[in-house]
Amino acid sequence: MSLIRSPVDTLAKILEVLAENSCVMRDSDLYEVLRKEHPDLSFSDLIRYLMILEIRGFIHVSSSRESVRIIRLSKYGKEQLRVQRC
């Protein structure tokens, strides 16, 4: 029997991983970290979660190259998570 992962838990984990890694990560690095805990997470799921977090104002996503996205914790995200150093 497999446990169903809540989207809220995944969103929280994304924010936690960003906060632990200087608030900036490449999408591929973030995906690798998340896959260790959630092997069933697809890359398209990650992109969907990133869009949700960006719309809600927690992160900023920018492209450095066509296939590389840089994810940054926003000022609002840092305030909500009470992150003081990044």
C-alpha atoms as a PDB file:
ATOM      1  CA  MET A   1       0.000   0.000   0.000  1.00  0.00           C
ATOM      2  CA  SER A   2       1.480   3.352  -0.987  1.00  0.00           C
ATOM      3  CA  LEU A   3       0.880   6.571   0.824  1.00  0.00           C
ATOM      4  CA  ILE A   4      -0.618   9.420  -1.163  1.00  0.00           C
ATOM      5  CA  ARG A   5       1.482  12.540  -0.840  1.00  0.00           C
ATOM      6  CA  SER A   6      -0.366  15.780  -0.191  1.00  0.00           C
ATOM      7  CA  PRO A   7       0.392  18.657  -2.593  1.00  0.00           C
ATOM      8  CA  VAL A   8       0.635  20.967   0.425  1.00  0.00           C
ATOM      9  CA  ASP A   9       3.379  18.773   1.882  1.00  0.00           C
ATOM     10  CA  THR A  10       5.292  18.912  -1.396  1.00  0.00           C
ATOM     11  CA  LEU A  11       4.954  22.698  -1.631  1.00  0.00           C
ATOM     12  CA  ALA A  12       6.227  23.021   1.942  1.00  0.00           C
ATOM     13  CA  LYS A  13       9.142  20.688   1.182  1.00  0.00           C
ATOM     14  CA  ILE A  14      10.138  22.777  -1.859  1.00  0.00           C
ATOM     15  CA  LEU A  15      10.238  25.913   0.286  1.00  0.00           C
ATOM     16  CA  GLU A  16      12.175  24.086   3.009  1.00  0.00           C
ATOM     17  CA  VAL A  17      14.794  22.815   0.558  1.00  0.00           C
ATOM     18  CA  LEU A  18      15.212  26.298  -0.940  1.00  0.00           C
ATOM     19  CA  ALA A  19      15.655  27.850   2.517  1.00  0.00           C
ATOM     20  CA  GLU A  20      18.290  25.238   3.403  1.00  0.00           C
ATOM     21  CA  ASN A  21      20.244  25.870   0.187  1.00  0.00           C
ATOM     22  CA  SER A  22      20.921  29.616   0.295  1.00  0.00           C
ATOM     23  CA  CYS A  23      17.450  30.385  -1.135  1.00  0.00           C
ATOM     24  CA  VAL A  24      18.616  29.825  -4.740  1.00  0.00           C
ATOM     25  CA  MET A  25      18.719  26.574  -6.728  1.00  0.00           C
ATOM     26  CA  ARG A  26      18.566  25.291 -10.272  1.00  0.00           C
ATOM     27  CA  ASP A  27      15.451  23.316 -11.117  1.00  0.00           C
ATOM     28  CA  SER A  28      17.459  20.156 -11.800  1.00  0.00           C
ATOM     29  CA  ASP A  29      19.211  20.337  -8.415  1.00  0.00           C
ATOM     30  CA  LEU A  30      15.921  20.913  -6.608  1.00  0.00           C
ATOM     31  CA  TYR A  31      14.370  17.987  -8.477  1.00  0.00           C
ATOM     32  CA  GLU A  32      17.185  15.639  -7.443  1.00  0.00           C
ATOM     33  CA  VAL A  33      16.831  16.583  -3.770  1.00  0.00           C
ATOM     34  CA  LEU A  34      13.052  16.124  -3.846  1.00  0.00           C
ATOM     35  CA  ARG A  35      13.289  12.789  -5.671  1.00  0.00           C
ATOM     36  CA  LYS A  36      15.209  11.295  -2.742  1.00  0.00           C
ATOM     37  CA  GLU A  37      12.138  11.620  -0.542  1.00  0.00           C
ATOM     38  CA  HIS A  38       9.483  11.352  -3.243  1.00  0.00           C
ATOM     39  CA  PRO A  39      10.644   8.926  -5.956  1.00  0.00           C
ATOM     40  CA  ASP A  40       7.262   9.140  -7.688  1.00  0.00           C
ATOM     41  CA  LEU A  41       7.567  12.920  -8.263  1.00  0.00           C
ATOM     42  CA  SER A  42       7.829  13.731 -11.961  1.00  0.00           C
ATOM     43  CA  PHE A  43       9.604  16.745 -13.395  1.00  0.00           C
ATOM     44  CA  SER A  44       6.307  18.046 -14.788  1.00  0.00           C
ATOM     45  CA  ASP A  45       4.828  17.837 -11.265  1.00  0.00           C
ATOM     46  CA  LEU A  46       7.742  19.918  -9.988  1.00  0.00           C
ATOM     47  CA  ILE A  47       7.148  22.556 -12.680  1.00  0.00           C
ATOM     48  CA  ARG A  48       3.461  22.651 -11.723  1.00  0.00           C
ATOM     49  CA  TYR A  49       4.332  23.146  -8.044  1.00  0.00           C
ATOM     50  CA  LEU A  50       6.831  25.874  -8.928  1.00  0.00           C
ATOM     51  CA  MET A  51       4.136  27.722 -10.881  1.00  0.00           C
ATOM     52  CA  ILE A  52       1.798  27.542  -7.879  1.00  0.00           C
ATOM     53  CA  LEU A  53       4.489  28.930  -5.560  1.00  0.00           C
ATOM     54  CA  GLU A  54       5.383  31.671  -8.025  1.00  0.00           C
ATOM     55  CA  ILE A  55       1.760  32.744  -8.449  1.00  0.00           C
ATOM     56  CA  ARG A  56       1.378  32.860  -4.661  1.00  0.00           C
ATOM     57  CA  GLY A  57       4.498  35.049  -4.424  1.00  0.00           C
ATOM     58  CA  PHE A  58       6.778  32.674  -2.496  1.00  0.00           C
ATOM     59  CA  ILE A  59       9.390  32.244  -5.236  1.00  0.00           C
ATOM     60  CA  HIS A  60      10.727  33.817  -8.430  1.00  0.00           C
ATOM     61  CA  VAL A  61      11.628  31.600 -11.380  1.00  0.00           C
ATOM     62  CA  SER A  62      13.927  32.869 -14.100  1.00  0.00           C
ATOM     63  CA  SER A  63      15.692  31.235 -17.029  1.00  0.00           C
ATOM     64  CA  SER A  64      19.428  31.462 -17.396  1.00  0.00           C
ATOM     65  CA  ARG A  65      19.318  29.340 -20.535  1.00  0.00           C
ATOM     66  CA  GLU A  66      16.525  27.705 -22.469  1.00  0.00           C
ATOM     67  CA  SER A  67      16.454  24.516 -20.404  1.00  0.00           C
ATOM     68  CA  VAL A  68      17.737  25.849 -17.050  1.00  0.00           C
ATOM     69  CA  ARG A  69      15.476  27.541 -14.530  1.00  0.00           C
ATOM     70  CA  ILE A  70      16.795  29.377 -11.480  1.00  0.00           C
ATOM     71  CA  ILE A  71      14.447  29.295  -8.484  1.00  0.00           C
ATOM     72  CA  ARG A  72      14.826  31.989  -5.814  1.00  0.00           C
ATOM     73  CA  LEU A  73      12.943  32.425  -2.597  1.00  0.00           C
ATOM     74  CA  SER A  74      11.199  35.814  -2.811  1.00  0.00           C
ATOM     75  CA  LYS A  75      11.265  38.491  -0.136  1.00  0.00           C
ATOM     76  CA  TYR A  76       7.694  37.517   0.762  1.00  0.00           C
ATOM     77  CA  GLY A  77       8.720  33.851   0.945  1.00  0.00           C
ATOM     78  CA  LYS A  78      11.627  34.685   3.233  1.00  0.00           C
ATOM     79  CA  GLU A  79       9.331  36.714   5.500  1.00  0.00           C
ATOM     80  CA  GLN A  80       6.750  33.936   5.679  1.00  0.00           C
ATOM     81  CA  LEU A  81       9.372  31.296   6.433  1.00  0.00           C
ATOM     82  CA  ARG A  82      11.227  33.646   8.773  1.00  0.00           C
ATOM     83  CA  VAL A  83      14.478  33.067   6.905  1.00  0.00           C
ATOM     84  CA  GLN A  84      17.024  35.653   7.966  1.00  0.00           C
ATOM     85  CA  ARG A  85      20.044  34.784   5.890  1.00  0.00           C
ATOM     86  CA  CYS A  86      20.212  33.976   2.221  1.00  0.00           C
END
